[in-house]
Amino acid sequence: MGFLLSSCVEKETVSFEDIIAFHHRFESIHPFQDGNGRVERLTTFEECLKNGQIPFIIDEKIKVYYYEGLKNYNRYPKQLLETCLAGQDKHTAIMNYFRIPLSSMS
C-alpha cells in the first residue's frame, strides 16, 4: 500500500487515466476483508475532485462492464477506462441537470 500511495504523490499532474490505473491497482491489492470497493471508489472520487477531473458513477447499467474491466485491465486497460468514462458522462449529466458548472471541477 505504501508503494502504491507514494507513487501517486510523486506525480505533479494527474490525468484521468492515472486515476483509473491507481483505482485498478488499489482494487487488486484487496487490503480489506470486505469493503475495499467502497473505500477505493471514495478515494477515486476524492482524487478526481482534487485533480480537476469529473468523477465517475458506476450504476447498475454498466456495473458488469466495470467488473470485466477490472478483471481484464492488465490485458486491455482501455476497457476499464472506457467504462469509467461512460460513468463520467453519467456524472456530467447529473451536474448539468442541477446546473452545476463544469468549471467548478477545476
PDB file of N, CA and C in Angstrom:
ATOM      1  N   MET A   1       0.832  -1.198   0.000  1.00  0.00           N
ATOM      2  CA  MET A   1       0.000   0.000   0.000  1.00  0.00           C
ATOM      3  C   MET A   1       0.864   1.244   0.000  1.00  0.00           C
ATOM      4  N   GLY A   2       1.933   1.233   0.816  1.00  0.00           N
ATOM      5  CA  GLY A   2       2.800   2.405   0.893  1.00  0.00           C
ATOM      6  C   GLY A   2       3.401   2.757  -0.448  1.00  0.00           C
ATOM      7  N   PHE A   3       3.866   1.757  -1.184  1.00  0.00           N
ATOM      8  CA  PHE A   3       4.445   1.999  -2.506  1.00  0.00           C
ATOM      9  C   PHE A   3       3.397   2.565  -3.456  1.00  0.00           C
ATOM     10  N   LEU A   4       2.208   1.997  -3.420  1.00  0.00           N
ATOM     11  CA  LEU A   4       1.132   2.472  -4.291  1.00  0.00           C
ATOM     12  C   LEU A   4       0.801   3.927  -4.009  1.00  0.00           C
ATOM     13  N   LEU A   5       0.637   4.267  -2.748  1.00  0.00           N
ATOM     14  CA  LEU A   5       0.290   5.642  -2.384  1.00  0.00           C
ATOM     15  C   LEU A   5       1.418   6.617  -2.692  1.00  0.00           C
ATOM     16  N   SER A   6       2.663   6.217  -2.440  1.00  0.00           N
ATOM     17  CA  SER A   6       3.781   7.130  -2.705  1.00  0.00           C
ATOM     18  C   SER A   6       3.963   7.362  -4.200  1.00  0.00           C
ATOM     19  N   SER A   7       3.643   6.378  -5.041  1.00  0.00           N
ATOM     20  CA  SER A   7       3.783   6.561  -6.484  1.00  0.00           C
ATOM     21  C   SER A   7       2.812   7.606  -7.005  1.00  0.00           C
ATOM     22  N   CYS A   8       1.682   7.776  -6.350  1.00  0.00           N
ATOM     23  CA  CYS A   8       0.704   8.783  -6.767  1.00  0.00           C
ATOM     24  C   CYS A   8       1.091  10.168  -6.283  1.00  0.00           C
ATOM     25  N   VAL A   9       1.647  10.250  -5.111  1.00  0.00           N
ATOM     26  CA  VAL A   9       2.013  11.539  -4.524  1.00  0.00           C
ATOM     27  C   VAL A   9       3.129  12.203  -5.330  1.00  0.00           C
ATOM     28  N   GLU A  10       3.991  11.403  -5.948  1.00  0.00           N
ATOM     29  CA  GLU A  10       5.135  11.933  -6.678  1.00  0.00           C
ATOM     30  C   GLU A  10       4.754  12.645  -7.973  1.00  0.00           C
ATOM     31  N   LYS A  11       3.590  12.365  -8.530  1.00  0.00           N
ATOM     32  CA  LYS A  11       3.186  12.968  -9.800  1.00  0.00           C
ATOM     33  C   LYS A  11       2.748  14.406  -9.601  1.00  0.00           C
ATOM     34  N   GLU A  12       3.200  15.254 -10.509  1.00  0.00           N
ATOM     35  CA  GLU A  12       2.813  16.664 -10.436  1.00  0.00           C
ATOM     36  C   GLU A  12       1.449  16.890 -11.080  1.00  0.00           C
ATOM     37  N   THR A  13       1.219  16.255 -12.217  1.00  0.00           N
ATOM     38  CA  THR A  13      -0.053  16.351 -12.918  1.00  0.00           C
ATOM     39  C   THR A  13      -0.652  14.948 -12.997  1.00  0.00           C
ATOM     40  N   VAL A  14      -1.902  14.826 -12.594  1.00  0.00           N
ATOM     41  CA  VAL A  14      -2.571  13.529 -12.577  1.00  0.00           C
ATOM     42  C   VAL A  14      -3.717  13.556 -13.586  1.00  0.00           C
ATOM     43  N   SER A  15      -3.666  12.635 -14.546  1.00  0.00           N
ATOM     44  CA  SER A  15      -4.714  12.543 -15.564  1.00  0.00           C
ATOM     45  C   SER A  15      -5.800  11.576 -15.110  1.00  0.00           C
ATOM     46  N   PHE A  16      -6.908  11.559 -15.833  1.00  0.00           N
ATOM     47  CA  PHE A  16      -7.974  10.614 -15.542  1.00  0.00           C
ATOM     48  C   PHE A  16      -7.459   9.185 -15.716  1.00  0.00           C
ATOM     49  N   GLU A  17      -6.609   8.965 -16.722  1.00  0.00           N
ATOM     50  CA  GLU A  17      -6.022   7.646 -16.945  1.00  0.00           C
ATOM     51  C   GLU A  17      -5.173   7.211 -15.749  1.00  0.00           C
ATOM     52  N   ASP A  18      -4.432   8.163 -15.165  1.00  0.00           N
ATOM     53  CA  ASP A  18      -3.640   7.862 -13.963  1.00  0.00           C
ATOM     54  C   ASP A  18      -4.547   7.451 -12.801  1.00  0.00           C
ATOM     55  N   ILE A  19      -5.657   8.145 -12.663  1.00  0.00           N
ATOM     56  CA  ILE A  19      -6.600   7.841 -11.579  1.00  0.00           C
ATOM     57  C   ILE A  19      -7.191   6.449 -11.764  1.00  0.00           C
ATOM     58  N   ILE A  20      -7.524   6.090 -12.993  1.00  0.00           N
ATOM     59  CA  ILE A  20      -8.085   4.764 -13.263  1.00  0.00           C
ATOM     60  C   ILE A  20      -7.036   3.683 -13.032  1.00  0.00           C
ATOM     61  N   ALA A  21      -5.791   3.935 -13.422  1.00  0.00           N
ATOM     62  CA  ALA A  21      -4.713   2.966 -13.166  1.00  0.00           C
ATOM     63  C   ALA A  21      -4.531   2.757 -11.665  1.00  0.00           C
ATOM     64  N   PHE A  22      -4.562   3.850 -10.886  1.00  0.00           N
ATOM     65  CA  PHE A  22      -4.475   3.753  -9.427  1.00  0.00           C
ATOM     66  C   PHE A  22      -5.657   2.949  -8.891  1.00  0.00           C
ATOM     67  N   HIS A  23      -6.835   3.241  -9.411  1.00  0.00           N
ATOM     68  CA  HIS A  23      -8.056   2.546  -8.990  1.00  0.00           C
ATOM     69  C   HIS A  23      -7.897   1.040  -9.176  1.00  0.00           C
ATOM     70  N   HIS A  24      -7.403   0.631 -10.324  1.00  0.00           N
ATOM     71  CA  HIS A  24      -7.208  -0.798 -10.581  1.00  0.00           C
ATOM     72  C   HIS A  24      -6.177  -1.397  -9.635  1.00  0.00           C
ATOM     73  N   ARG A  25      -5.045  -0.715  -9.458  1.00  0.00           N
ATOM     74  CA  ARG A  25      -4.001  -1.256  -8.561  1.00  0.00           C
ATOM     75  C   ARG A  25      -4.530  -1.405  -7.145  1.00  0.00           C
ATOM     76  N   PHE A  26      -5.271  -0.413  -6.665  1.00  0.00           N
ATOM     77  CA  PHE A  26      -5.833  -0.484  -5.318  1.00  0.00           C
ATOM     78  C   PHE A  26      -6.804  -1.658  -5.210  1.00  0.00           C
ATOM     79  N   GLU A  27      -7.684  -1.795  -6.200  1.00  0.00           N
ATOM     80  CA  GLU A  27      -8.651  -2.892  -6.193  1.00  0.00           C
ATOM     81  C   GLU A  27      -7.960  -4.248  -6.221  1.00  0.00           C
ATOM     82  N   SER A  28      -6.800  -4.312  -6.865  1.00  0.00           N
ATOM     83  CA  SER A  28      -6.068  -5.578  -6.972  1.00  0.00           C
ATOM     84  C   SER A  28      -5.404  -5.993  -5.671  1.00  0.00           C
ATOM     85  N   ILE A  29      -5.113  -5.048  -4.810  1.00  0.00           N
ATOM     86  CA  ILE A  29      -4.417  -5.337  -3.559  1.00  0.00           C
ATOM     87  C   ILE A  29      -5.337  -5.992  -2.535  1.00  0.00           C
ATOM     88  N   HIS A  30      -6.591  -5.605  -2.512  1.00  0.00           N
ATOM     89  CA  HIS A  30      -7.566  -6.111  -1.537  1.00  0.00           C
ATOM     90  C   HIS A  30      -7.057  -5.978  -0.103  1.00  0.00           C
ATOM     91  N   PRO A  31      -6.833  -4.751   0.356  1.00  0.00           N
ATOM     92  CA  PRO A  31      -6.296  -4.574   1.703  1.00  0.00           C
ATOM     93  C   PRO A  31      -7.300  -4.833   2.814  1.00  0.00           C
ATOM     94  N   PHE A  32      -8.569  -4.926   2.464  1.00  0.00           N
ATOM     95  CA  PHE A  32      -9.592  -5.123   3.479  1.00  0.00           C
ATOM     96  C   PHE A  32     -10.339  -6.416   3.183  1.00  0.00           C
ATOM     97  N   GLN A  33     -10.805  -7.062   4.208  1.00  0.00           N
ATOM     98  CA  GLN A  33     -11.570  -8.287   4.028  1.00  0.00           C
ATOM     99  C   GLN A  33     -12.847  -8.004   3.245  1.00  0.00           C
ATOM    100  N   ASP A  34     -13.491  -6.890   3.555  1.00  0.00           N
ATOM    101  CA  ASP A  34     -14.711  -6.514   2.866  1.00  0.00           C
ATOM    102  C   ASP A  34     -14.739  -4.996   2.786  1.00  0.00           C
ATOM    103  N   GLY A  35     -15.315  -4.489   1.752  1.00  0.00           N
ATOM    104  CA  GLY A  35     -15.479  -3.041   1.656  1.00  0.00           C
ATOM    105  C   GLY A  35     -14.389  -2.327   0.894  1.00  0.00           C
ATOM    106  N   ASN A  36     -13.405  -3.050   0.324  1.00  0.00           N
ATOM    107  CA  ASN A  36     -12.343  -2.346  -0.378  1.00  0.00           C
ATOM    108  C   ASN A  36     -12.874  -1.595  -1.591  1.00  0.00           C
ATOM    109  N   GLY A  37     -13.923  -2.101  -2.231  1.00  0.00           N
ATOM    110  CA  GLY A  37     -14.500  -1.399  -3.378  1.00  0.00           C
ATOM    111  C   GLY A  37     -15.076  -0.057  -2.986  1.00  0.00           C
ATOM    112  N   ARG A  38     -15.795  -0.034  -1.874  1.00  0.00           N
ATOM    113  CA  ARG A  38     -16.379   1.237  -1.410  1.00  0.00           C
ATOM    114  C   ARG A  38     -15.277   2.214  -1.012  1.00  0.00           C
ATOM    115  N   VAL A  39     -14.264   1.729  -0.314  1.00  0.00           N
ATOM    116  CA  VAL A  39     -13.158   2.597   0.099  1.00  0.00           C
ATOM    117  C   VAL A  39     -12.443   3.146  -1.131  1.00  0.00           C
ATOM    118  N   GLU A  40     -12.179   2.284  -2.106  1.00  0.00           N
ATOM    119  CA  GLU A  40     -11.465   2.733  -3.297  1.00  0.00           C
ATOM    120  C   GLU A  40     -12.300   3.682  -4.134  1.00  0.00           C
ATOM    121  N   ARG A  41     -13.584   3.450  -4.275  1.00  0.00           N
ATOM    122  CA  ARG A  41     -14.404   4.378  -5.055  1.00  0.00           C
ATOM    123  C   ARG A  41     -14.457   5.755  -4.391  1.00  0.00           C
ATOM    124  N   LEU A  42     -14.469   5.789  -3.083  1.00  0.00           N
ATOM    125  CA  LEU A  42     -14.424   7.061  -2.367  1.00  0.00           C
ATOM    126  C   LEU A  42     -13.071   7.741  -2.568  1.00  0.00           C
ATOM    127  N   THR A  43     -12.000   6.969  -2.504  1.00  0.00           N
ATOM    128  CA  THR A  43     -10.654   7.513  -2.739  1.00  0.00           C
ATOM    129  C   THR A  43     -10.542   8.049  -4.159  1.00  0.00           C
ATOM    130  N   THR A  44     -11.070   7.301  -5.119  1.00  0.00           N
ATOM    131  CA  THR A  44     -11.030   7.735  -6.519  1.00  0.00           C
ATOM    132  C   THR A  44     -11.848   9.002  -6.724  1.00  0.00           C
ATOM    133  N   PHE A  45     -12.999   9.080  -6.077  1.00  0.00           N
ATOM    134  CA  PHE A  45     -13.835  10.287  -6.145  1.00  0.00           C
ATOM    135  C   PHE A  45     -13.040  11.497  -5.661  1.00  0.00           C
ATOM    136  N   GLU A  46     -12.354  11.341  -4.522  1.00  0.00           N
ATOM    137  CA  GLU A  46     -11.546  12.430  -3.979  1.00  0.00           C
ATOM    138  C   GLU A  46     -10.419  12.812  -4.937  1.00  0.00           C
ATOM    139  N   GLU A  47      -9.742  11.816  -5.516  1.00  0.00           N
ATOM    140  CA  GLU A  47      -8.645  12.099  -6.444  1.00  0.00           C
ATOM    141  C   GLU A  47      -9.144  12.836  -7.678  1.00  0.00           C
ATOM    142  N   CYS A  48     -10.308  12.462  -8.170  1.00  0.00           N
ATOM    143  CA  CYS A  48     -10.876  13.185  -9.314  1.00  0.00           C
ATOM    144  C   CYS A  48     -11.101  14.647  -8.963  1.00  0.00           C
ATOM    145  N   LEU A  49     -11.752  14.894  -7.830  1.00  0.00           N
ATOM    146  CA  LEU A  49     -12.028  16.275  -7.426  1.00  0.00           C
ATOM    147  C   LEU A  49     -10.740  17.059  -7.200  1.00  0.00           C
ATOM    148  N   LYS A  50      -9.784  16.441  -6.543  1.00  0.00           N
ATOM    149  CA  LYS A  50      -8.524  17.108  -6.224  1.00  0.00           C
ATOM    150  C   LYS A  50      -7.745  17.478  -7.481  1.00  0.00           C
ATOM    151  N   ASN A  51      -7.909  16.689  -8.540  1.00  0.00           N
ATOM    152  CA  ASN A  51      -7.137  16.900  -9.763  1.00  0.00           C
ATOM    153  C   ASN A  51      -7.965  17.489 -10.900  1.00  0.00           C
ATOM    154  N   GLY A  52      -9.119  18.078 -10.558  1.00  0.00           N
ATOM    155  CA  GLY A  52      -9.928  18.765 -11.562  1.00  0.00           C
ATOM    156  C   GLY A  52     -10.573  17.842 -12.577  1.00  0.00           C
ATOM    157  N   GLN A  53     -10.770  16.585 -12.223  1.00  0.00           N
ATOM    158  CA  GLN A  53     -11.408  15.619 -13.105  1.00  0.00           C
ATOM    159  C   GLN A  53     -12.848  15.386 -12.640  1.00  0.00           C
ATOM    160  N   ILE A  54     -13.733  15.149 -13.573  1.00  0.00           N
ATOM    161  CA  ILE A  54     -15.109  14.830 -13.212  1.00  0.00           C
ATOM    162  C   ILE A  54     -15.124  13.390 -12.703  1.00  0.00           C
ATOM    163  N   PRO A  55     -15.683  13.150 -11.525  1.00  0.00           N
ATOM    164  CA  PRO A  55     -15.768  11.775 -11.012  1.00  0.00           C
ATOM    165  C   PRO A  55     -16.660  10.906 -11.896  1.00  0.00           C
ATOM    166  N   PHE A  56     -16.615   9.617 -11.661  1.00  0.00           N
ATOM    167  CA  PHE A  56     -17.458   8.707 -12.422  1.00  0.00           C
ATOM    168  C   PHE A  56     -18.411   7.958 -11.499  1.00  0.00           C
ATOM    169  N   ILE A  57     -19.553   7.592 -12.061  1.00  0.00           N
ATOM    170  CA  ILE A  57     -20.575   6.854 -11.337  1.00  0.00           C
ATOM    171  C   ILE A  57     -20.765   5.515 -12.045  1.00  0.00           C
ATOM    172  N   ILE A  58     -20.616   4.445 -11.289  1.00  0.00           N
ATOM    173  CA  ILE A  58     -20.852   3.113 -11.839  1.00  0.00           C
ATOM    174  C   ILE A  58     -22.245   2.677 -11.372  1.00  0.00           C
ATOM    175  N   ASP A  59     -23.206   2.725 -12.290  1.00  0.00           N
ATOM    176  CA  ASP A  59     -24.566   2.327 -11.924  1.00  0.00           C
ATOM    177  C   ASP A  59     -24.823   0.894 -12.396  1.00  0.00           C
ATOM    178  N   GLU A  60     -26.020   0.425 -12.150  1.00  0.00           N
ATOM    179  CA  GLU A  60     -26.375  -0.965 -12.484  1.00  0.00           C
ATOM    180  C   GLU A  60     -26.216  -1.271 -13.970  1.00  0.00           C
ATOM    181  N   LYS A  61     -26.419  -0.270 -14.820  1.00  0.00           N
ATOM    182  CA  LYS A  61     -26.356  -0.500 -16.268  1.00  0.00           C
ATOM    183  C   LYS A  61     -24.951  -0.829 -16.752  1.00  0.00           C
ATOM    184  N   ILE A  62     -23.933  -0.305 -16.084  1.00  0.00           N
ATOM    185  CA  ILE A  62     -22.563  -0.535 -16.554  1.00  0.00           C
ATOM    186  C   ILE A  62     -21.710  -1.322 -15.558  1.00  0.00           C
ATOM    187  N   LYS A  63     -22.328  -1.775 -14.471  1.00  0.00           N
ATOM    188  CA  LYS A  63     -21.564  -2.480 -13.438  1.00  0.00           C
ATOM    189  C   LYS A  63     -20.856  -3.727 -13.979  1.00  0.00           C
ATOM    190  N   VAL A  64     -21.512  -4.487 -14.831  1.00  0.00           N
ATOM    191  CA  VAL A  64     -20.900  -5.700 -15.367  1.00  0.00           C
ATOM    192  C   VAL A  64     -19.663  -5.357 -16.211  1.00  0.00           C
ATOM    193  N   TYR A  65     -19.714  -4.264 -16.951  1.00  0.00           N
ATOM    194  CA  TYR A  65     -18.565  -3.833 -17.754  1.00  0.00           C
ATOM    195  C   TYR A  65     -17.424  -3.348 -16.855  1.00  0.00           C
ATOM    196  N   TYR A  66     -17.812  -2.705 -15.757  1.00  0.00           N
ATOM    197  CA  TYR A  66     -16.828  -2.239 -14.775  1.00  0.00           C
ATOM    198  C   TYR A  66     -16.056  -3.419 -14.177  1.00  0.00           C
ATOM    199  N   TYR A  67     -16.773  -4.449 -13.744  1.00  0.00           N
ATOM    200  CA  TYR A  67     -16.116  -5.626 -13.169  1.00  0.00           C
ATOM    201  C   TYR A  67     -15.259  -6.348 -14.209  1.00  0.00           C
ATOM    202  N   GLU A  68     -15.755  -6.443 -15.432  1.00  0.00           N
ATOM    203  CA  GLU A  68     -14.964  -7.045 -16.508  1.00  0.00           C
ATOM    204  C   GLU A  68     -13.713  -6.213 -16.793  1.00  0.00           C
ATOM    205  N   GLY A  69     -13.872  -4.890 -16.760  1.00  0.00           N
ATOM    206  CA  GLY A  69     -12.730  -4.011 -16.988  1.00  0.00           C
ATOM    207  C   GLY A  69     -11.662  -4.166 -15.924  1.00  0.00           C
ATOM    208  N   LEU A  70     -12.090  -4.309 -14.670  1.00  0.00           N
ATOM    209  CA  LEU A  70     -11.118  -4.555 -13.597  1.00  0.00           C
ATOM    210  C   LEU A  70     -10.397  -5.878 -13.812  1.00  0.00           C
ATOM    211  N   LYS A  71     -11.150  -6.902 -14.183  1.00  0.00           N
ATOM    212  CA  LYS A  71     -10.583  -8.236 -14.366  1.00  0.00           C
ATOM    213  C   LYS A  71      -9.606  -8.272 -15.546  1.00  0.00           C
ATOM    214  N   ASN A  72      -9.921  -7.559 -16.619  1.00  0.00           N
ATOM    215  CA  ASN A  72      -9.116  -7.610 -17.838  1.00  0.00           C
ATOM    216  C   ASN A  72      -8.119  -6.465 -17.973  1.00  0.00           C
ATOM    217  N   TYR A  73      -7.956  -5.665 -16.932  1.00  0.00           N
ATOM    218  CA  TYR A  73      -7.170  -4.431 -17.035  1.00  0.00           C
ATOM    219  C   TYR A  73      -5.743  -4.667 -17.536  1.00  0.00           C
ATOM    220  N   ASN A  74      -5.085  -5.687 -17.049  1.00  0.00           N
ATOM    221  CA  ASN A  74      -3.688  -5.909 -17.441  1.00  0.00           C
ATOM    222  C   ASN A  74      -3.545  -6.239 -18.925  1.00  0.00           C
ATOM    223  N   ARG A  75      -4.550  -6.866 -19.517  1.00  0.00           N
ATOM    224  CA  ARG A  75      -4.508  -7.190 -20.941  1.00  0.00           C
ATOM    225  C   ARG A  75      -5.101  -6.084 -21.806  1.00  0.00           C
ATOM    226  N   TYR A  76      -6.138  -5.428 -21.296  1.00  0.00           N
ATOM    227  CA  TYR A  76      -6.856  -4.433 -22.086  1.00  0.00           C
ATOM    228  C   TYR A  76      -7.315  -3.289 -21.185  1.00  0.00           C
ATOM    229  N   PRO A  77      -6.396  -2.375 -20.825  1.00  0.00           N
ATOM    230  CA  PRO A  77      -6.737  -1.304 -19.893  1.00  0.00           C
ATOM    231  C   PRO A  77      -7.817  -0.346 -20.405  1.00  0.00           C
ATOM    232  N   LYS A  78      -7.977  -0.267 -21.712  1.00  0.00           N
ATOM    233  CA  LYS A  78      -8.985   0.655 -22.262  1.00  0.00           C
ATOM    234  C   LYS A  78     -10.400   0.254 -21.877  1.00  0.00           C
ATOM    235  N   GLN A  79     -10.649  -1.019 -21.629  1.00  0.00           N
ATOM    236  CA  GLN A  79     -11.995  -1.465 -21.275  1.00  0.00           C
ATOM    237  C   GLN A  79     -12.457  -0.793 -19.984  1.00  0.00           C
ATOM    238  N   LEU A  80     -11.614  -0.795 -18.966  1.00  0.00           N
ATOM    239  CA  LEU A  80     -11.974  -0.138 -17.705  1.00  0.00           C
ATOM    240  C   LEU A  80     -12.046   1.365 -17.894  1.00  0.00           C
ATOM    241  N   LEU A  81     -11.089   1.922 -18.623  1.00  0.00           N
ATOM    242  CA  LEU A  81     -11.080   3.368 -18.865  1.00  0.00           C
ATOM    243  C   LEU A  81     -12.358   3.803 -19.572  1.00  0.00           C
ATOM    244  N   GLU A  82     -12.756   3.084 -20.608  1.00  0.00           N
ATOM    245  CA  GLU A  82     -13.962   3.448 -21.355  1.00  0.00           C
ATOM    246  C   GLU A  82     -15.217   3.329 -20.493  1.00  0.00           C
ATOM    247  N   THR A  83     -15.252   2.311 -19.631  1.00  0.00           N
ATOM    248  CA  THR A  83     -16.397   2.157 -18.730  1.00  0.00           C
ATOM    249  C   THR A  83     -16.455   3.321 -17.746  1.00  0.00           C
ATOM    250  N   CYS A  84     -15.311   3.705 -17.210  1.00  0.00           N
ATOM    251  CA  CYS A  84     -15.273   4.824 -16.265  1.00  0.00           C
ATOM    252  C   CYS A  84     -15.580   6.145 -16.962  1.00  0.00           C
ATOM    253  N   LEU A  85     -15.185   6.276 -18.225  1.00  0.00           N
ATOM    254  CA  LEU A  85     -15.558   7.471 -18.988  1.00  0.00           C
ATOM    255  C   LEU A  85     -17.070   7.526 -19.187  1.00  0.00           C
ATOM    256  N   ALA A  86     -17.691   6.374 -19.405  1.00  0.00           N
ATOM    257  CA  ALA A  86     -19.159   6.333 -19.503  1.00  0.00           C
ATOM    258  C   ALA A  86     -19.772   6.741 -18.163  1.00  0.00           C
ATOM    259  N   GLY A  87     -19.164   6.300 -17.068  1.00  0.00           N
ATOM    260  CA  GLY A  87     -19.624   6.704 -15.740  1.00  0.00           C
ATOM    261  C   GLY A  87     -19.401   8.190 -15.502  1.00  0.00           C
ATOM    262  N   GLN A  88     -18.361   8.721 -16.104  1.00  0.00           N
ATOM    263  CA  GLN A  88     -18.087  10.155 -16.012  1.00  0.00           C
ATOM    264  C   GLN A  88     -19.176  10.932 -16.756  1.00  0.00           C
ATOM    265  N   ASP A  89     -19.614  10.396 -17.886  1.00  0.00           N
ATOM    266  CA  ASP A  89     -20.717  11.024 -18.632  1.00  0.00           C
ATOM    267  C   ASP A  89     -21.982  11.076 -17.777  1.00  0.00           C
ATOM    268  N   LYS A  90     -22.224  10.024 -16.999  1.00  0.00           N
ATOM    269  CA  LYS A  90     -23.381   9.981 -16.093  1.00  0.00           C
ATOM    270  C   LYS A  90     -23.282  11.107 -15.060  1.00  0.00           C
ATOM    271  N   HIS A  91     -22.097  11.283 -14.492  1.00  0.00           N
ATOM    272  CA  HIS A  91     -21.887  12.338 -13.504  1.00  0.00           C
ATOM    273  C   HIS A  91     -22.071  13.717 -14.147  1.00  0.00           C
ATOM    274  N   THR A  92     -21.570  13.879 -15.366  1.00  0.00           N
ATOM    275  CA  THR A  92     -21.724  15.143 -16.085  1.00  0.00           C
ATOM    276  C   THR A  92     -23.202  15.449 -16.322  1.00  0.00           C
ATOM    277  N   ALA A  93     -23.976  14.428 -16.679  1.00  0.00           N
ATOM    278  CA  ALA A  93     -25.416  14.631 -16.905  1.00  0.00           C
ATOM    279  C   ALA A  93     -26.111  15.098 -15.621  1.00  0.00           C
ATOM    280  N   ILE A  94     -25.710  14.539 -14.492  1.00  0.00           N
ATOM    281  CA  ILE A  94     -26.294  14.957 -13.212  1.00  0.00           C
ATOM    282  C   ILE A  94     -25.897  16.399 -12.903  1.00  0.00           C
ATOM    283  N   MET A  95     -24.637  16.741 -13.168  1.00  0.00           N
ATOM    284  CA  MET A  95     -24.195  18.123 -12.941  1.00  0.00           C
ATOM    285  C   MET A  95     -24.986  19.084 -13.822  1.00  0.00           C
ATOM    286  N   ASN A  96     -25.191  18.695 -15.078  1.00  0.00           N
ATOM    287  CA  ASN A  96     -25.960  19.542 -15.992  1.00  0.00           C
ATOM    288  C   ASN A  96     -27.405  19.679 -15.525  1.00  0.00           C
ATOM    289  N   TYR A  97     -27.999  18.596 -15.056  1.00  0.00           N
ATOM    290  CA  TYR A  97     -29.381  18.631 -14.579  1.00  0.00           C
ATOM    291  C   TYR A  97     -29.540  19.634 -13.437  1.00  0.00           C
ATOM    292  N   PHE A  98     -28.578  19.631 -12.529  1.00  0.00           N
ATOM    293  CA  PHE A  98     -28.639  20.545 -11.384  1.00  0.00           C
ATOM    294  C   PHE A  98     -27.944  21.886 -11.663  1.00  0.00           C
ATOM    295  N   ARG A  99     -27.575  22.095 -12.934  1.00  0.00           N
ATOM    296  CA  ARG A  99     -26.945  23.339 -13.379  1.00  0.00           C
ATOM    297  C   ARG A  99     -25.677  23.675 -12.601  1.00  0.00           C
ATOM    298  N   ILE A 100     -24.887  22.646 -12.325  1.00  0.00           N
ATOM    299  CA  ILE A 100     -23.585  22.835 -11.688  1.00  0.00           C
ATOM    300  C   ILE A 100     -22.572  23.017 -12.803  1.00  0.00           C
ATOM    301  N   PRO A 101     -21.923  24.162 -12.856  1.00  0.00           N
ATOM    302  CA  PRO A 101     -20.985  24.384 -13.969  1.00  0.00           C
ATOM    303  C   PRO A 101     -19.801  23.422 -13.902  1.00  0.00           C
ATOM    304  N   LEU A 102     -19.427  22.921 -15.062  1.00  0.00           N
ATOM    305  CA  LEU A 102     -18.275  22.018 -15.123  1.00  0.00           C
ATOM    306  C   LEU A 102     -16.999  22.721 -14.684  1.00  0.00           C
ATOM    307  N   SER A 103     -16.967  24.030 -14.796  1.00  0.00           N
ATOM    308  CA  SER A 103     -15.783  24.776 -14.366  1.00  0.00           C
ATOM    309  C   SER A 103     -15.585  24.663 -12.859  1.00  0.00           C
ATOM    310  N   SER A 104     -16.606  24.250 -12.119  1.00  0.00           N
ATOM    311  CA  SER A 104     -16.460  24.084 -10.666  1.00  0.00           C
ATOM    312  C   SER A 104     -15.592  22.889 -10.328  1.00  0.00           C
ATOM    313  N   MET A 105     -15.293  22.027 -11.319  1.00  0.00           N
ATOM    314  CA  MET A 105     -14.480  20.842 -11.098  1.00  0.00           C
ATOM    315  C   MET A 105     -12.992  21.159 -11.104  1.00  0.00           C
ATOM    316  N   SER A 106     -12.610  22.289 -11.623  1.00  0.00           N
ATOM    317  CA  SER A 106     -11.173  22.584 -11.708  1.00  0.00           C
ATOM    318  C   SER A 106     -10.713  23.523 -10.631  1.00  0.00           C
TER     319      SER A 106
END
